[in-house]
Every structure is written in structure tokens, then in C-alpha cells.
Protein backbone atom coordinates (compact mmCIF):
# COMPACT_ATOMS: atom_id res chain seq x y z
CA MET A 1 0.00 0.00 0.00
CA THR A 2 1.53 3.30 -1.09
CA PRO A 3 0.55 6.29 1.02
CA GLU A 4 -0.86 9.21 -0.89
CA PRO A 5 1.06 12.49 -0.76
CA THR A 6 -0.66 14.99 1.47
CA ALA A 7 -0.64 18.76 1.54
CA ALA A 8 1.82 19.99 4.12
CA PRO A 9 3.35 23.25 5.15
CA SER A 10 6.19 24.43 2.99
CA HIS A 11 9.72 23.65 4.17
CA ALA A 12 12.74 25.07 2.32
CA ALA A 13 14.76 21.82 2.16
CA VAL A 14 11.72 19.78 1.07
CA ASP A 15 10.87 22.41 -1.55
CA ARG A 16 14.44 22.10 -2.94
CA VAL A 17 14.06 18.30 -3.12
CA ALA A 18 10.71 18.63 -4.93
CA ALA A 19 12.25 21.12 -7.37
CA ALA A 20 15.24 18.84 -8.01
CA LEU A 21 12.95 15.88 -8.68
CA ALA A 22 10.78 17.94 -11.03
CA ALA A 23 13.89 19.19 -12.86
CA ASP A 24 14.82 15.53 -13.43
CA GLY A 25 11.39 14.86 -14.92
CA ILE A 26 9.97 13.17 -11.84
CA GLU A 27 6.62 14.14 -10.39
CA PRO A 28 7.44 14.70 -6.70
CA ARG A 29 5.33 12.36 -4.56
CA ILE A 30 6.51 13.50 -1.17
CA VAL A 31 4.80 11.93 1.81
CA TRP A 32 4.69 13.80 5.13
CA PHE A 33 4.32 11.89 8.39
CA ASP A 34 2.92 13.21 11.68
CA ASP A 35 6.10 12.17 13.48
CA ALA A 36 9.76 12.05 12.48
CA VAL A 37 10.94 8.80 10.90
CA THR A 38 14.66 9.16 11.54
CA THR A 39 15.57 5.47 11.28
CA ALA A 40 15.06 2.96 8.48
CA LYS A 41 12.93 0.81 10.80
CA LEU A 42 10.62 3.70 11.73
CA ALA A 43 10.24 4.71 8.09
CA ALA A 44 9.61 1.14 6.94
CA ASP A 45 7.04 0.57 9.70
CA ALA A 46 5.26 3.82 8.84
CA LEU A 47 5.10 2.83 5.15
CA GLY A 48 4.31 -0.83 5.72
CA ILE A 49 7.32 -2.00 3.70
CA GLU A 50 10.52 -3.99 4.25
CA VAL A 51 13.33 -2.12 5.99
CA GLY A 52 15.60 -2.96 3.03
CA GLN A 53 13.45 -0.71 0.82
CA ILE A 54 14.54 2.37 2.75
CA ALA A 55 17.38 4.21 1.02
CA ASN A 56 19.28 5.78 3.90
CA SER A 57 21.16 8.92 2.88
CA LEU A 58 24.37 8.87 4.90
CA VAL A 59 27.00 11.58 4.64
CA PHE A 60 30.58 10.56 5.34
CA THR A 61 33.93 12.07 4.54
CA LEU A 62 36.34 10.34 2.19
CA ASP A 63 39.73 11.84 2.97
CA ASP A 64 37.92 15.00 4.16
CA GLU A 65 35.66 15.27 1.07
CA PRO A 66 31.95 14.89 1.85
CA ILE A 67 30.38 11.89 0.12
CA LEU A 68 26.83 10.59 0.14
CA VAL A 69 26.20 6.87 0.52
CA LEU A 70 22.65 5.72 -0.24
CA THR A 71 22.39 2.41 1.54
CA SER A 72 19.64 -0.11 2.06
CA GLY A 73 18.14 0.08 5.53
CA ALA A 74 18.71 -3.68 5.81
CA HIS A 75 22.38 -3.27 6.69
CA ARG A 76 25.14 -0.88 7.69
CA VAL A 77 27.97 0.61 5.68
CA ASP A 78 31.31 -1.06 6.43
CA THR A 79 33.30 2.18 6.36
CA GLU A 80 36.70 0.53 6.68
CA TRP A 81 35.99 -1.85 3.79
CA LEU A 82 34.29 0.80 1.60
CA GLY A 83 37.09 3.28 2.23
CA ALA A 84 39.63 0.72 1.06
CA GLU A 85 37.49 0.01 -2.03
CA LEU A 86 37.38 3.74 -2.81
CA GLY A 87 41.10 4.22 -2.14
CA GLY A 88 40.86 6.36 0.97
CA THR A 89 39.65 6.63 4.53
CA ILE A 90 35.99 7.10 5.36
CA GLY A 91 35.02 8.99 8.48
CA ARG A 92 31.78 10.11 10.07
CA ALA A 93 30.72 13.56 8.90
CA SER A 94 29.86 16.13 11.56
CA LYS A 95 26.41 17.67 11.57
CA GLU A 96 28.01 20.87 10.28
CA VAL A 97 29.57 19.03 7.31
CA VAL A 98 26.25 17.31 6.57
CA LYS A 99 24.38 20.63 6.59
CA ALA A 100 27.02 22.40 4.47
CA ALA A 101 27.18 19.59 1.89
CA THR A 102 23.45 18.90 1.58
CA GLY A 103 21.61 21.93 2.94
CA GLN A 104 19.70 19.42 5.06
CA VAL A 105 20.03 18.07 8.59
CA ILE A 106 20.79 14.55 9.78
CA GLY A 107 17.62 12.46 9.90
CA GLY A 108 16.09 14.00 6.79
CA VAL A 109 18.92 14.07 4.25
CA ALA A 110 17.61 13.44 0.75
CA PRO A 111 19.59 12.09 -2.19
CA VAL A 112 18.94 15.34 -4.13
CA GLY A 113 18.24 19.02 -3.51
CA HIS A 114 21.75 19.89 -2.36
CA PRO A 115 23.45 23.27 -2.91
CA ALA A 116 26.09 21.60 -5.11
CA PRO A 117 26.63 18.04 -6.38
CA VAL A 118 27.90 15.60 -3.74
CA ARG A 119 29.87 12.54 -4.87
CA THR A 120 27.35 9.74 -4.37
CA PHE A 121 27.48 5.96 -4.06
CA VAL A 122 24.30 3.89 -4.35
CA ASP A 123 24.10 0.54 -2.55
CA VAL A 124 23.58 -2.22 -5.14
CA ASP A 125 21.33 -4.06 -2.66
CA LEU A 126 18.65 -1.43 -3.37
CA ALA A 127 18.40 -2.87 -6.91
CA GLY A 128 16.65 -5.91 -5.40
CA TYR A 129 13.47 -3.88 -4.81
CA ASP A 130 10.99 -2.57 -7.37
CA GLU A 131 10.41 0.51 -5.21
CA VAL A 132 12.56 2.19 -2.59
CA TRP A 133 11.88 5.18 -0.37
CA ALA A 134 14.25 8.01 0.47
CA ALA A 135 14.07 11.01 2.79
CA ALA A 136 12.85 14.20 1.17
CA GLY A 137 14.79 16.86 3.07
CA HIS A 138 13.04 16.67 6.45
CA ALA A 139 12.76 13.95 9.10
CA LYS A 140 8.99 13.73 8.51
CA THR A 141 9.22 13.25 4.74
CA VAL A 142 9.95 10.50 2.23
CA PHE A 143 9.44 9.89 -1.47
CA PRO A 144 9.28 6.73 -3.60
CA THR A 145 11.80 6.00 -6.31
CA THR A 146 13.72 3.10 -7.83
CA PHE A 147 17.36 2.03 -7.77
CA ASP A 148 17.87 3.03 -11.41
CA GLU A 149 16.22 6.39 -10.81
CA LEU A 150 18.41 7.03 -7.74
CA VAL A 151 21.53 6.34 -9.76
CA ARG A 152 20.32 8.62 -12.56
CA ILE A 153 19.17 11.60 -10.47
CA THR A 154 22.21 11.58 -8.18
CA GLY A 155 24.81 10.75 -10.82
CA GLY A 156 25.75 8.09 -8.29
CA THR A 157 28.02 5.10 -8.65
CA PRO A 158 26.41 1.73 -7.92
CA THR A 159 28.55 -0.05 -5.33
CA ALA A 160 28.47 -2.61 -2.58
CA VAL A 161 28.74 -0.97 0.84
CA GLU A 162 29.95 -4.06 2.69
CA PRO A 163 31.97 -7.14 1.68
CA ARG A 164 30.09 -9.77 -0.29
């Protein structure tokens, strides 16, 4: 069951996400929840879907450069392994780095709508689902998409985020 988008008050970060989606030829179908859904489990429960269908938007640093890793909610990013795969060291980004890189705050970071492009990696495990859901710029928002669409709209690189 896919929730229907509902009218909600305007929010600058969400408006930027909607505009970015529209610019990529996608009709924004942003869903607002009454409460924040800041974890993959909370979002999946609210949508009635598998936790693996949640595309977590995680900002890290790769040798001090902000990167965005869109990972399935079914597992965690192995930062040591992924850093080695990418030829550097991955660290946790501070809330200030997240906000500067994305224009959004932790808990609601979307894959698009950022002030400038962010180097992005898309978890190949998301390809196993016909539909995935990503945050839309605020902790109370999500939107549906697909793996292929995420790769296209982010210019992301499909990659594993943990050893196979």
C-alpha cells in the first residue's frame, strides 16, 4: 500500500528536493508523516514495507571530502571496507559538514536538492526492490523511487557498501 502524498506546510529543504525531482522529470510524490521517521525501521514501519526498501542517505567524509552513501536500511555501511574500495579513509561527517554539503540536517537528508553536487554511491542491494523510499529533506518526509532512478538523479556510482 503506497501512502498518498498529502498537503503539508512548505519547508525550504523539502521544496528544494521537490524542485530537483521535477527538474529531473519526476513528479514529486513526497509523503509527510505526523512524526519524524529518523531510522530505516521507523520509516519502513510507517510505510508498511521492508526495511531494506529504505534508502538511507548517509553523509561521510572520504579523505575529508563529503560523500553521500545511499544504503539499504537492511544493513550498515562497512566504512573501513568501503574506504579501502574507494582508495581512501571514510570517516563520520559532523552535523556541520552534513548541513554544508546537503543543505539538510541529519535524519532528513535526501539524495537530491543539495546546494552543489555531492559525490554519491548507491548501494547495489537497493536494486533488489521494485520501489525504494528516500528522505525528502526533512525527518517527517519520504518519497518513492527506484534504484535506477536514484543512480540517474544523483549521478551516483552503484557499489556494494559491505563485503560480499
